[in-house]
Amino acid sequence: MACSEKNISYGSKVEQVSIARVDSMPDMPGSYKMLDWEAKAKAFDSFVFDWNNKSEAGSMIWLDDNRRNIDQPTFGLYTAVKDVRQGKNANNGEFHESLNSLAALLGAGLVGIDKTNQDGYNYVKMVQNYFNKDNGWNIVMNNTTPEVGMLGGGYGRDWWYDVFPNALYYAVCDVFPDVDGAEQIQRSIAEQFVKADSVLAGNYDYSYFDYARMRGMVNHIPLQQDAAGGHAYVLLCAYNKFGDPRYLAHAKSATEALLSQKESRFYEILLPLGVYAAAYLNAAEGTNYDVQKLLDWTFDGCKNPEGRNGWGIIVGKWGDYEVNGLQGSIIDGGGYAFLMNSIKPAWPFVSMVKYEPQYAKAVGKWMLNNANACRLFFPMEIDDEHQWDPEMKSITNDNISYEGLRRVDDYGKVSLKGKTPVALGDGPKWAKGNPPASMFSVYSSSPMGIFGAIIKETNVEGILQLNCNATDFYAERHYPVYLYYNPHKESKSVKYPAKGIVDLFDIISKEYVAKNVSSDGTFEMPAGDARIIVELPAGTRLTTDNNKVVADGKYTIAYK
């Protein structure tokens, strides 16, 4: 390093801000085991998209040639193993869910599997049948037709089921760009969301929204004010893709509607997407949204009996098992966590720290605990005496998880009395005749590729390399960016697997942690702290501009 360069200041260190519920989690899980999530996601794809699966589970996929919405065949995936509602011979072959299919495509794409050309199918084109134009909604929905909508997985009656498929679809289109017909669908979604946000005018006090008649609706389920977070996220993606200022304006107004709530109305997954939208807008558009409030609402959960009371982030031990960081109900039966819900928040939260780096330590600590505990949903990773159907676990080929992890069994199985926790699922409750095997959830396992793309272990146990770009869809990603959190009480030397000769800049400490690093390079991780490392081509020139750090005079790498 040149002498003059030693004295360059790139700004003050970003002081870390706590998330109270994360503070209650251990720095390092007491029983640590990190799955190879990338390998697991790839194995899941091979198992579930095998048209000739000869296992006891049977084929998880079938062809749906009803040609709803678009004149092409599509495919269905079982929501759960041996679900009697599904398959080519049940309900005209039309009961399948986009939340499952889209998550499976997204997860596969994130770990490098080309779903536009696999076994002779363009699966990314085929999922366009979920774009519901036949009913006039003109958005991506969870089913292809209302005729199967009441069989499970809301259809026009449960707002998150109507909004989240559109966030998934936008994400899939970022991973698999330039698929014929996709942009028209993305445009339609954005236009419908603009109209909806305009009609709602800041009041999201509804159970769902009728996107054909453009009116908010109330039914038997709680109001879902956090749908504003879903609108904000999708419209922000649309703005970054298309550049239409109306999309930015409504991303902001939806974010403001979310923040206008007096308390947490966390319902499923849309609030975390709203956290990302607020953080990104603060950094890129100069807004001053209260990200801390939204994070606290997510982690502490909804506490109003009129909302989805108890829905938040779980903390603690159930028996001998640590369940810190899992997402689901904090109070149902003493706690009920879900794998899908535990994986999905990693999508917005890990990328969010690029824009609000003061939460790097909290997010890193949560991710370590959460990913560690997520292994417990898999029947090969939890003791037989703590799962509902150990006799059938081989049916999953270790690729499909239980849907949930309950503090205590709610089916009344005698052998599970007094056991905590219990891996199980709601499948047998969904339909008469659904077997215990339906506790094994394809739907819950399908987003594993999100973890697979984000999480890599390092040479130091407990220090993960978390890819902040992997799910930062439609944002500028000029350089690799990784979050590291050190759970240990002493500093650690972490190996950095550079593919060329690079410089490593930490946007938290605002300093280089290593220069001219090659494949065997290392950097120091301070005890109990976090870094957000930007990998720069060696010799990249950094300057500061209004508290921002800019690379090569054009790419902002640090916003604070």
Protein backbone atom coordinates (compact mmCIF):
# COMPACT_ATOMS: atom_id res chain seq x y z
CA MET A 1 0.00 0.00 0.00
CA ALA A 2 1.40 3.38 -0.97
CA CYS A 3 2.24 5.76 1.88
CA SER A 4 -0.28 8.36 0.77
CA GLU A 5 -2.98 5.70 0.62
CA LYS A 6 -2.50 4.70 4.26
CA ASN A 7 -3.96 8.00 5.42
CA ILE A 8 -7.08 7.89 3.28
CA SER A 9 -10.26 7.85 5.35
CA TYR A 10 -13.38 6.37 3.83
CA GLY A 11 -15.61 7.39 6.70
CA SER A 12 -16.52 6.33 10.21
CA LYS A 13 -17.21 2.78 11.27
CA VAL A 14 -20.88 1.86 11.10
CA GLU A 15 -22.04 1.25 14.65
CA GLN A 16 -24.10 -1.89 14.94
CA VAL A 17 -27.75 -1.70 16.01
CA SER A 18 -29.34 -4.52 17.97
CA ILE A 19 -32.52 -6.41 17.27
CA ALA A 20 -33.75 -7.24 20.75
CA ARG A 21 -35.02 -10.72 19.96
CA VAL A 22 -31.74 -11.63 18.25
CA ASP A 23 -29.90 -10.51 21.38
CA SER A 24 -31.72 -13.32 23.19
CA MET A 25 -30.16 -15.93 20.88
CA PRO A 26 -26.76 -17.49 21.60
CA ASP A 27 -23.78 -16.01 19.80
CA MET A 28 -22.89 -19.54 18.73
CA PRO A 29 -25.44 -22.37 18.71
CA GLY A 30 -24.64 -24.95 21.37
CA SER A 31 -25.27 -27.88 19.03
CA TYR A 32 -23.89 -26.70 15.72
CA LYS A 33 -24.29 -28.49 12.41
CA MET A 34 -24.58 -26.68 9.11
CA LEU A 35 -26.07 -28.59 6.22
CA ASP A 36 -24.65 -28.22 2.72
CA TRP A 37 -27.69 -26.33 1.54
CA GLU A 38 -26.45 -26.01 -2.04
CA ALA A 39 -26.03 -29.77 -2.38
CA LYS A 40 -29.38 -30.33 -0.68
CA ALA A 41 -31.15 -27.96 -3.08
CA LYS A 42 -29.63 -29.71 -6.09
CA ALA A 43 -30.62 -33.14 -4.75
CA PHE A 44 -34.16 -31.87 -4.13
CA ASP A 45 -34.43 -30.66 -7.72
CA SER A 46 -33.26 -34.01 -9.08
CA PHE A 47 -35.75 -35.88 -6.90
CA VAL A 48 -38.82 -33.71 -7.39
CA PHE A 49 -38.42 -33.02 -11.12
CA ASP A 50 -37.87 -36.69 -11.92
CA TRP A 51 -40.79 -37.65 -14.19
CA ASN A 52 -39.91 -41.32 -13.72
CA ASN A 53 -39.30 -41.31 -9.98
CA LYS A 54 -39.45 -44.95 -8.94
CA SER A 55 -39.14 -44.30 -5.21
CA GLU A 56 -41.84 -45.19 -2.72
CA ALA A 57 -42.89 -41.54 -2.72
CA GLY A 58 -43.73 -41.79 -6.42
CA SER A 59 -43.35 -39.05 -8.97
CA MET A 60 -43.73 -35.58 -7.48
CA ILE A 61 -44.51 -33.94 -10.84
CA TRP A 62 -47.18 -34.31 -13.51
CA LEU A 63 -48.28 -32.58 -16.71
CA ASP A 64 -51.34 -30.32 -16.65
CA ASP A 65 -52.65 -29.87 -20.20
CA ASN A 66 -55.78 -27.87 -19.36
CA ARG A 67 -54.13 -24.78 -20.86
CA ARG A 68 -55.62 -22.27 -18.44
CA ASN A 69 -54.81 -18.58 -19.06
CA ILE A 70 -52.16 -19.37 -21.70
CA ASP A 71 -52.42 -21.88 -24.53
CA GLN A 72 -49.66 -24.19 -23.37
CA PRO A 73 -49.28 -27.14 -21.01
CA THR A 74 -47.96 -26.50 -17.53
CA PHE A 75 -46.87 -28.78 -14.71
CA GLY A 76 -47.94 -29.53 -11.18
CA LEU A 77 -45.86 -30.41 -8.15
CA TYR A 78 -47.28 -32.18 -5.14
CA THR A 79 -47.66 -29.84 -2.17
CA ALA A 80 -46.99 -32.79 0.13
CA VAL A 81 -46.03 -36.41 -0.39
CA LYS A 82 -49.03 -38.55 -1.43
CA ASP A 83 -51.47 -35.61 -1.13
CA VAL A 84 -54.78 -37.14 -2.27
CA ARG A 85 -55.98 -33.84 -3.74
CA GLN A 86 -53.23 -33.82 -6.30
CA GLY A 87 -51.71 -35.58 -9.28
CA LYS A 88 -52.85 -35.98 -12.86
CA ASN A 89 -55.92 -38.04 -11.90
CA ALA A 90 -57.25 -35.83 -9.08
CA ASN A 91 -59.26 -32.65 -9.57
CA ASN A 92 -58.69 -32.73 -13.31
CA GLY A 93 -54.97 -32.51 -12.67
CA GLU A 94 -55.33 -28.80 -11.90
CA PHE A 95 -54.68 -28.57 -8.19
CA HIS A 96 -51.09 -27.41 -7.83
CA GLU A 97 -49.66 -24.27 -6.28
CA SER A 98 -47.46 -21.55 -7.73
CA LEU A 99 -45.91 -20.94 -4.31
CA ASN A 100 -44.45 -24.41 -4.64
CA SER A 101 -43.56 -24.42 -8.34
CA LEU A 102 -42.11 -20.90 -8.38
CA ALA A 103 -40.07 -21.46 -5.22
CA ALA A 104 -38.71 -24.69 -6.71
CA LEU A 105 -37.66 -22.90 -9.90
CA LEU A 106 -36.15 -20.01 -7.96
CA GLY A 107 -34.23 -22.30 -5.62
CA ALA A 108 -32.90 -24.36 -8.51
CA GLY A 109 -31.88 -21.33 -10.53
CA LEU A 110 -30.08 -19.78 -7.60
CA VAL A 111 -27.84 -22.86 -7.30
CA GLY A 112 -27.10 -22.89 -11.01
CA ILE A 113 -29.68 -25.27 -12.51
CA ASP A 114 -31.09 -24.11 -15.85
CA LYS A 115 -34.84 -24.60 -15.57
CA THR A 116 -35.44 -23.11 -19.00
CA ASN A 117 -33.94 -26.22 -20.57
CA GLN A 118 -34.13 -29.32 -18.42
CA ASP A 119 -35.24 -32.72 -19.65
CA GLY A 120 -36.77 -31.08 -22.70
CA TYR A 121 -38.92 -28.64 -20.72
CA ASN A 122 -38.83 -24.88 -20.27
CA TYR A 123 -40.30 -24.85 -16.79
CA VAL A 124 -39.95 -21.07 -16.49
CA LYS A 125 -42.19 -20.61 -19.52
CA MET A 126 -44.63 -23.22 -18.24
CA VAL A 127 -45.30 -21.42 -14.94
CA GLN A 128 -46.78 -18.50 -16.87
CA ASN A 129 -50.11 -20.35 -16.69
CA TYR A 130 -50.38 -19.05 -13.12
CA PHE A 131 -50.85 -15.57 -14.61
CA ASN A 132 -54.60 -15.35 -14.07
CA LYS A 133 -56.01 -13.41 -16.99
CA ASP A 134 -59.08 -15.63 -17.47
CA ASN A 135 -60.57 -14.27 -14.23
CA GLY A 136 -59.55 -10.67 -14.93
CA TRP A 137 -57.11 -10.34 -12.03
CA ASN A 138 -54.10 -10.13 -14.37
CA ILE A 139 -51.56 -11.05 -11.71
CA VAL A 140 -49.77 -14.29 -10.85
CA MET A 141 -51.88 -16.31 -8.41
CA ASN A 142 -51.42 -19.49 -6.42
CA ASN A 143 -53.63 -21.58 -8.72
CA THR A 144 -54.39 -21.47 -12.43
CA THR A 145 -58.17 -21.45 -11.93
CA PRO A 146 -60.66 -20.64 -9.15
CA GLU A 147 -62.23 -24.07 -9.68
CA VAL A 148 -59.54 -25.60 -7.45
CA GLY A 149 -58.96 -22.51 -5.33
CA MET A 150 -60.85 -23.69 -2.28
CA LEU A 151 -59.01 -27.01 -2.06
CA GLY A 152 -56.21 -25.33 -0.10
CA GLY A 153 -53.81 -22.46 -0.60
CA GLY A 154 -55.94 -19.32 -0.82
CA TYR A 155 -57.52 -18.17 -4.05
CA GLY A 156 -58.85 -14.63 -3.90
CA ARG A 157 -59.52 -14.89 -0.17
CA ASP A 158 -56.12 -14.72 1.53
CA TRP A 159 -54.01 -11.72 0.55
CA TRP A 160 -50.52 -13.11 0.98
CA TYR A 161 -51.40 -16.00 -1.35
CA ASP A 162 -52.24 -13.41 -4.01
CA VAL A 163 -49.29 -11.04 -3.53
CA PHE A 164 -46.36 -13.33 -2.74
CA PRO A 165 -46.55 -15.34 -6.01
CA ASN A 166 -45.82 -12.07 -7.82
CA ALA A 167 -42.70 -11.43 -5.73
CA LEU A 168 -41.62 -14.99 -6.51
CA TYR A 169 -42.35 -14.51 -10.20
CA TYR A 170 -40.28 -11.33 -10.35
CA ALA A 171 -37.42 -13.14 -8.60
CA VAL A 172 -37.63 -16.09 -11.01
CA CYS A 173 -37.56 -13.68 -13.97
CA ASP A 174 -34.41 -12.03 -12.63
CA VAL A 175 -32.67 -15.40 -12.32
CA PHE A 176 -34.01 -16.51 -15.72
CA PRO A 177 -34.27 -13.36 -17.88
CA ASP A 178 -35.54 -13.06 -21.45
CA VAL A 179 -38.12 -15.86 -21.36
CA ASP A 180 -40.76 -15.22 -24.01
CA GLY A 181 -43.86 -13.53 -22.59
CA ALA A 182 -42.37 -12.80 -19.17
CA GLU A 183 -41.99 -9.03 -19.51
CA GLN A 184 -45.63 -8.59 -20.50
CA ILE A 185 -46.67 -10.47 -17.36
CA GLN A 186 -44.30 -8.42 -15.20
CA ARG A 187 -45.71 -5.20 -16.67
CA SER A 188 -49.26 -6.32 -15.97
CA ILE A 189 -48.42 -7.20 -12.38
CA ALA A 190 -46.83 -3.79 -11.82
CA GLU A 191 -49.80 -1.97 -13.37
CA GLN A 192 -52.28 -3.92 -11.25
CA PHE A 193 -50.29 -3.19 -8.11
CA VAL A 194 -50.10 0.51 -8.97
CA LYS A 195 -53.88 0.60 -9.39
CA ALA A 196 -54.41 -1.34 -6.18
CA ASP A 197 -52.12 0.91 -4.14
CA SER A 198 -53.87 3.96 -5.61
CA VAL A 199 -57.29 2.62 -4.63
CA LEU A 200 -56.13 1.61 -1.17
CA ALA A 201 -54.65 5.09 -0.64
CA GLY A 202 -52.73 4.06 2.47
CA ASN A 203 -55.49 1.95 4.03
CA TYR A 204 -54.54 -1.73 3.84
CA ASP A 205 -57.09 -2.88 6.43
CA TYR A 206 -58.35 -5.83 4.40
CA SER A 207 -58.19 -9.63 4.34
CA TYR A 208 -57.54 -9.58 0.61
CA PHE A 209 -57.93 -7.43 -2.47
CA ASP A 210 -59.99 -8.13 -5.57
CA TYR A 211 -57.61 -7.15 -8.38
CA ALA A 212 -60.35 -7.48 -11.01
CA ARG A 213 -62.85 -5.15 -9.34
CA MET A 214 -60.11 -3.15 -7.61
CA ARG A 215 -61.60 -3.20 -4.14
CA GLY A 216 -60.46 -4.32 -0.72
CA MET A 217 -62.34 -7.20 0.86
CA VAL A 218 -62.86 -8.48 4.41
CA ASN A 219 -63.66 -12.09 5.21
CA HIS A 220 -63.18 -14.60 8.03
CA ILE A 221 -59.37 -14.34 8.15
CA PRO A 222 -57.44 -11.55 9.89
CA LEU A 223 -56.69 -8.31 8.12
CA GLN A 224 -53.32 -8.42 6.35
CA GLN A 225 -51.88 -4.94 6.47
CA ASP A 226 -48.39 -6.26 5.71
CA ALA A 227 -49.54 -6.86 2.13
CA ALA A 228 -48.30 -3.28 1.72
CA GLY A 229 -44.79 -4.67 2.11
CA GLY A 230 -45.39 -7.08 -0.76
CA HIS A 231 -46.73 -4.32 -2.99
CA ALA A 232 -43.73 -2.14 -2.11
CA TYR A 233 -41.22 -4.88 -2.89
CA VAL A 234 -42.70 -5.91 -6.23
CA LEU A 235 -43.10 -2.30 -7.37
CA LEU A 236 -39.51 -1.54 -6.38
CA CYS A 237 -38.35 -4.49 -8.49
CA ALA A 238 -40.55 -3.25 -11.33
CA TYR A 239 -39.05 0.23 -11.05
CA ASN A 240 -35.50 -1.13 -11.15
CA LYS A 241 -36.40 -3.25 -14.17
CA PHE A 242 -38.52 -0.84 -16.21
CA GLY A 243 -37.57 2.59 -14.86
CA ASP A 244 -41.17 3.83 -14.69
CA PRO A 245 -41.32 6.56 -12.00
CA ARG A 246 -44.91 5.58 -11.13
CA TYR A 247 -43.61 2.27 -9.85
CA LEU A 248 -41.14 4.06 -7.58
CA ALA A 249 -43.82 6.43 -6.31
CA HIS A 250 -46.10 3.57 -5.36
CA ALA A 251 -43.28 1.53 -3.86
CA LYS A 252 -42.83 4.50 -1.55
CA SER A 253 -46.53 4.98 -0.79
CA ALA A 254 -46.96 1.27 -0.04
CA THR A 255 -43.93 1.39 2.27
CA GLU A 256 -45.47 4.39 4.03
CA ALA A 257 -48.76 2.50 4.38
CA LEU A 258 -46.87 -0.34 6.02
CA LEU A 259 -45.08 2.01 8.40
CA SER A 260 -48.32 3.80 9.27
CA GLN A 261 -49.52 0.78 11.26
CA LYS A 262 -49.59 1.29 15.01
CA GLU A 263 -48.25 -2.21 15.70
CA SER A 264 -46.97 -5.34 14.02
CA ARG A 265 -49.37 -7.00 11.60
CA PHE A 266 -46.89 -9.66 10.52
CA TYR A 267 -48.90 -12.33 8.74
CA GLU A 268 -46.65 -14.58 6.65
CA ILE A 269 -43.72 -13.35 4.49
CA LEU A 270 -44.64 -9.95 3.12
CA LEU A 271 -43.44 -7.86 6.07
CA PRO A 272 -39.78 -8.95 5.58
CA LEU A 273 -40.05 -7.93 1.92
CA GLY A 274 -41.23 -4.54 3.14
CA VAL A 275 -38.13 -4.32 5.36
CA TYR A 276 -35.95 -4.70 2.28
CA ALA A 277 -37.96 -2.12 0.33
CA ALA A 278 -37.60 0.44 3.11
CA ALA A 279 -33.86 -0.21 3.47
CA TYR A 280 -33.21 0.01 -0.26
CA LEU A 281 -35.23 3.20 -0.65
CA ASN A 282 -33.34 4.82 2.22
CA ALA A 283 -30.01 4.07 0.57
CA ALA A 284 -30.79 4.60 -3.09
CA GLU A 285 -33.56 7.19 -2.98
CA GLY A 286 -32.72 9.20 0.14
CA THR A 287 -35.84 8.34 2.13
CA ASN A 288 -35.75 8.04 5.91
CA TYR A 289 -37.99 5.07 6.62
CA ASP A 290 -37.90 3.44 10.05
CA VAL A 291 -36.31 0.08 9.23
CA GLN A 292 -35.77 -0.65 12.93
CA LYS A 293 -39.50 -0.58 13.57
CA LEU A 294 -40.19 -2.99 10.72
CA LEU A 295 -37.46 -5.38 11.89
CA ASP A 296 -38.80 -5.33 15.45
CA TRP A 297 -42.31 -5.97 14.13
CA THR A 298 -40.99 -9.00 12.26
CA PHE A 299 -38.91 -10.52 15.04
CA ASP A 300 -41.19 -9.70 17.99
CA GLY A 301 -44.23 -10.64 15.94
CA CYS A 302 -47.89 -9.71 15.90
CA LYS A 303 -49.35 -9.39 19.38
CA ASN A 304 -52.88 -8.27 18.56
CA PRO A 305 -55.57 -11.00 18.86
CA GLU A 306 -57.32 -9.45 15.86
CA GLY A 307 -54.24 -10.09 13.70
CA ARG A 308 -52.22 -13.26 13.24
CA ASN A 309 -51.44 -13.23 16.92
CA GLY A 310 -48.05 -14.72 17.81
CA TRP A 311 -46.60 -14.82 14.30
CA GLY A 312 -42.91 -13.93 14.61
CA ILE A 313 -39.39 -15.28 15.14
CA ILE A 314 -38.92 -18.05 17.69
CA VAL A 315 -36.26 -17.95 20.41
CA GLY A 316 -35.09 -20.59 22.86
CA LYS A 317 -34.77 -24.33 23.34
CA TRP A 318 -37.48 -26.94 23.07
CA GLY A 319 -36.20 -29.77 25.20
CA ASP A 320 -32.60 -30.38 24.15
CA TYR A 321 -33.03 -28.74 20.75
CA GLU A 322 -32.20 -25.13 19.96
CA VAL A 323 -34.86 -23.53 17.77
CA ASN A 324 -33.50 -19.99 17.74
CA GLY A 325 -34.29 -17.98 14.64
CA LEU A 326 -37.03 -20.17 13.18
CA GLN A 327 -40.15 -18.42 11.94
CA GLY A 328 -43.75 -19.31 12.62
CA SER A 329 -46.07 -19.02 15.60
CA ILE A 330 -44.42 -18.15 18.88
CA ILE A 331 -47.52 -19.17 20.85
CA ASP A 332 -49.43 -21.94 19.01
CA GLY A 333 -49.12 -24.95 21.30
CA GLY A 334 -46.06 -23.32 22.82
CA GLY A 335 -44.56 -22.72 19.38
CA TYR A 336 -44.93 -23.97 15.81
CA ALA A 337 -42.13 -23.27 13.32
CA PHE A 338 -42.20 -23.81 9.55
CA LEU A 339 -39.28 -24.51 7.23
CA MET A 340 -40.60 -22.45 4.31
CA ASN A 341 -41.19 -19.45 6.54
CA SER A 342 -37.77 -19.82 8.14
CA ILE A 343 -35.94 -19.87 4.80
CA LYS A 344 -37.82 -17.11 3.00
CA PRO A 345 -36.78 -14.12 5.22
CA ALA A 346 -33.13 -14.78 4.32
CA TRP A 347 -34.02 -13.54 0.82
CA PRO A 348 -34.70 -9.92 1.87
CA PHE A 349 -32.68 -9.71 5.09
CA VAL A 350 -29.24 -10.81 3.87
CA SER A 351 -29.32 -8.49 0.88
CA MET A 352 -30.78 -5.68 3.01
CA VAL A 353 -27.56 -5.26 5.01
CA LYS A 354 -25.83 -3.79 1.94
CA TYR A 355 -28.14 -0.79 2.37
CA GLU A 356 -28.49 -0.74 6.18
CA PRO A 357 -25.13 -2.16 7.32
CA GLN A 358 -25.84 -1.27 10.94
CA TYR A 359 -27.88 -4.49 11.11
CA ALA A 360 -25.08 -6.73 9.79
CA LYS A 361 -24.22 -8.30 13.15
CA ALA A 362 -27.86 -8.90 14.08
CA VAL A 363 -28.71 -10.45 10.70
CA GLY A 364 -25.53 -12.54 10.70
CA LYS A 365 -26.27 -13.88 14.18
CA TRP A 366 -29.90 -14.62 13.27
CA MET A 367 -28.86 -16.42 10.07
CA LEU A 368 -26.35 -18.59 11.93
CA ASN A 369 -28.96 -19.67 14.48
CA ASN A 370 -31.77 -19.99 11.97
CA ALA A 371 -29.88 -22.04 9.37
CA ASN A 372 -28.49 -24.27 12.11
CA ALA A 373 -31.98 -24.98 13.47
CA CYS A 374 -33.53 -25.50 10.02
CA ARG A 375 -31.86 -28.90 9.76
CA LEU A 376 -34.33 -30.20 12.38
CA PHE A 377 -37.16 -30.27 9.83
CA PHE A 378 -35.41 -33.08 7.95
CA PRO A 379 -36.22 -36.62 9.16
CA MET A 380 -32.60 -37.74 8.91
CA GLU A 381 -31.44 -34.82 11.08
CA ILE A 382 -33.68 -35.23 14.12
CA ASP A 383 -33.99 -38.24 16.43
CA ASP A 384 -36.71 -40.75 15.59
CA GLU A 385 -38.35 -40.14 18.95
CA HIS A 386 -38.87 -36.47 18.03
CA GLN A 387 -40.61 -36.95 14.68
CA TRP A 388 -44.12 -38.05 13.89
CA ASP A 389 -43.51 -40.70 11.26
CA PRO A 390 -39.96 -42.08 11.55
CA GLU A 391 -41.06 -45.37 9.97
CA MET A 392 -41.68 -43.51 6.71
CA LYS A 393 -38.67 -41.20 6.71
CA SER A 394 -36.86 -43.12 4.01
CA ILE A 395 -39.66 -42.19 1.60
CA THR A 396 -38.21 -38.68 1.44
CA ASN A 397 -34.80 -39.85 0.22
CA ASP A 398 -33.58 -37.15 2.66
CA ASN A 399 -34.72 -34.53 0.12
CA ILE A 400 -38.09 -33.55 1.55
CA SER A 401 -38.62 -32.11 5.01
CA TYR A 402 -41.43 -32.19 7.47
CA GLU A 403 -43.60 -29.11 7.08
CA GLY A 404 -43.17 -27.96 10.63
CA LEU A 405 -41.58 -28.33 14.03
CA ARG A 406 -43.96 -28.10 16.96
CA ARG A 407 -43.04 -27.70 20.58
CA VAL A 408 -45.50 -30.52 21.33
CA ASP A 409 -47.47 -32.95 19.18
CA ASP A 410 -51.04 -31.84 18.44
CA TYR A 411 -52.27 -35.15 16.98
CA GLY A 412 -52.27 -37.02 20.29
CA LYS A 413 -49.87 -39.77 19.27
CA VAL A 414 -49.17 -41.77 22.42
CA SER A 415 -45.48 -42.36 21.72
CA LEU A 416 -44.90 -38.61 21.44
CA LYS A 417 -46.47 -37.66 24.74
CA GLY A 418 -43.98 -35.59 26.72
CA LYS A 419 -41.62 -35.24 23.75
CA THR A 420 -40.42 -31.83 22.68
CA PRO A 421 -40.02 -30.77 19.92
CA VAL A 422 -41.86 -32.89 17.34
CA ALA A 423 -41.28 -32.70 13.59
CA LEU A 424 -44.63 -33.07 11.81
CA GLY A 425 -46.95 -31.36 9.36
CA ASP A 426 -50.54 -30.33 8.75
CA GLY A 427 -51.03 -32.48 5.63
CA PRO A 428 -53.36 -35.05 7.22
CA LYS A 429 -55.64 -32.18 8.32
CA TRP A 430 -56.05 -30.74 4.83
CA ALA A 431 -58.17 -33.45 3.25
CA LYS A 432 -59.95 -36.64 4.27
CA GLY A 433 -57.75 -39.56 3.39
CA ASN A 434 -54.46 -37.70 3.40
CA PRO A 435 -51.93 -40.16 4.87
CA PRO A 436 -49.28 -39.44 7.51
CA ALA A 437 -46.76 -39.25 4.64
CA SER A 438 -48.36 -35.93 3.70
CA MET A 439 -46.54 -34.44 6.69
CA PHE A 440 -43.49 -34.52 4.39
CA SER A 441 -43.73 -31.21 2.59
CA VAL A 442 -42.48 -30.56 -0.94
CA TYR A 443 -43.91 -27.05 -0.60
CA SER A 444 -41.79 -26.36 2.48
CA SER A 445 -38.59 -27.77 0.97
CA SER A 446 -38.85 -26.09 -2.44
CA PRO A 447 -37.13 -22.79 -1.47
CA MET A 448 -33.98 -24.52 -0.14
CA GLY A 449 -31.95 -23.03 -2.99
CA ILE A 450 -32.29 -19.63 -1.29
CA PHE A 451 -30.14 -20.97 1.53
CA GLY A 452 -28.03 -22.85 -1.02
CA ALA A 453 -27.12 -19.67 -2.87
CA ILE A 454 -26.56 -17.56 0.24
CA ILE A 455 -24.81 -19.84 2.75
CA LYS A 456 -21.27 -21.16 2.50
CA GLU A 457 -19.16 -22.43 5.38
CA THR A 458 -15.66 -21.06 5.85
CA ASN A 459 -12.56 -22.63 7.39
CA VAL A 460 -13.79 -21.47 10.82
CA GLU A 461 -16.70 -23.36 12.35
CA GLY A 462 -19.62 -21.01 12.90
CA ILE A 463 -18.37 -18.25 10.61
CA LEU A 464 -20.51 -18.34 7.50
CA GLN A 465 -19.99 -16.53 4.22
CA LEU A 466 -23.41 -15.09 3.35
CA ASN A 467 -23.84 -13.91 -0.22
CA CYS A 468 -25.59 -10.53 -0.11
CA ASN A 469 -26.03 -10.40 -3.90
CA ALA A 470 -27.68 -13.79 -4.39
CA THR A 471 -31.21 -12.56 -3.72
CA ASP A 472 -30.75 -8.83 -4.31
CA PHE A 473 -32.95 -9.03 -7.37
CA TYR A 474 -32.96 -6.18 -9.93
CA ALA A 475 -30.39 -4.20 -7.95
CA GLU A 476 -26.93 -3.24 -9.14
CA ARG A 477 -24.50 -6.02 -8.35
CA HIS A 478 -21.19 -4.89 -9.78
CA TYR A 479 -18.99 -6.62 -7.21
CA PRO A 480 -19.38 -9.69 -4.97
CA VAL A 481 -20.58 -8.74 -1.47
CA TYR A 482 -20.53 -11.07 1.55
CA LEU A 483 -21.69 -10.80 5.14
CA TYR A 484 -19.54 -12.48 7.82
CA TYR A 485 -20.38 -12.75 11.51
CA ASN A 486 -17.91 -14.08 14.07
CA PRO A 487 -19.73 -15.78 16.97
CA HIS A 488 -16.51 -16.51 18.86
CA LYS A 489 -14.96 -14.61 21.74
CA GLU A 490 -11.65 -14.25 19.92
CA SER A 491 -10.69 -12.97 16.51
CA LYS A 492 -10.39 -15.51 13.73
CA SER A 493 -8.42 -15.68 10.50
CA VAL A 494 -10.86 -16.48 7.70
CA LYS A 495 -9.80 -17.84 4.34
CA TYR A 496 -11.14 -16.01 1.30
CA PRO A 497 -11.46 -18.13 -1.87
CA ALA A 498 -10.68 -15.47 -4.46
CA LYS A 499 -10.75 -16.54 -8.11
CA GLY A 500 -8.44 -13.76 -9.24
CA ILE A 501 -6.33 -11.12 -7.54
CA VAL A 502 -8.65 -8.92 -5.50
CA ASP A 503 -8.86 -6.30 -2.76
CA LEU A 504 -11.28 -6.82 0.14
CA PHE A 505 -13.03 -3.74 1.52
CA ASP A 506 -15.25 -3.84 4.61
CA ILE A 507 -18.16 -1.39 4.33
CA ILE A 508 -18.73 -1.55 8.10
CA SER A 509 -15.24 -0.55 9.27
CA LYS A 510 -14.71 1.47 6.06
CA GLU A 511 -11.29 -0.02 5.52
CA TYR A 512 -9.45 -2.55 3.46
CA VAL A 513 -9.06 -5.83 5.32
CA ALA A 514 -6.77 -7.34 2.68
CA LYS A 515 -5.18 -6.34 -0.63
CA ASN A 516 -3.92 -8.33 -3.56
CA VAL A 517 -5.65 -11.44 -2.24
CA SER A 518 -5.49 -14.58 -4.35
CA SER A 519 -6.93 -18.07 -3.85
CA ASP A 520 -5.15 -18.62 -0.53
CA GLY A 521 -5.83 -15.18 0.97
CA THR A 522 -7.13 -14.49 4.47
CA PHE A 523 -8.58 -11.65 6.51
CA GLU A 524 -9.20 -11.16 10.21
CA MET A 525 -12.65 -11.33 11.75
CA PRO A 526 -12.84 -9.43 15.06
CA ALA A 527 -14.38 -11.27 18.02
CA GLY A 528 -18.18 -11.07 18.19
CA ASP A 529 -18.39 -8.69 15.26
CA ALA A 530 -19.49 -8.56 11.64
CA ARG A 531 -18.00 -7.50 8.35
CA ILE A 532 -19.58 -6.85 4.97
CA ILE A 533 -16.82 -7.56 2.49
CA VAL A 534 -16.91 -6.14 -1.03
CA GLU A 535 -14.58 -7.98 -3.39
CA LEU A 536 -12.93 -5.47 -5.74
CA PRO A 537 -10.58 -6.10 -8.63
CA ALA A 538 -7.09 -5.39 -7.31
CA GLY A 539 -6.23 -1.73 -7.67
CA THR A 540 -9.80 -0.45 -7.86
CA ARG A 541 -9.83 3.21 -6.88
CA LEU A 542 -12.20 4.24 -4.08
CA THR A 543 -13.45 7.74 -3.39
CA THR A 544 -16.00 9.22 -1.01
CA ASP A 545 -19.01 11.28 -1.98
CA ASN A 546 -21.43 12.58 0.62
CA ASN A 547 -20.73 9.70 3.07
CA LYS A 548 -20.89 7.18 0.26
CA VAL A 549 -17.94 5.09 -0.89
CA VAL A 550 -17.69 4.91 -4.66
CA ALA A 551 -15.61 2.48 -6.73
CA ASP A 552 -13.97 3.64 -9.95
CA GLY A 553 -15.95 6.87 -9.80
CA LYS A 554 -19.29 5.27 -10.69
CA TYR A 555 -20.38 2.34 -8.48
CA THR A 556 -21.58 2.99 -4.93
CA ILE A 557 -20.42 0.20 -2.63
CA ALA A 558 -21.26 1.78 0.75
CA TYR A 559 -24.16 4.09 1.47
CA LYS A 560 -23.38 5.11 5.08
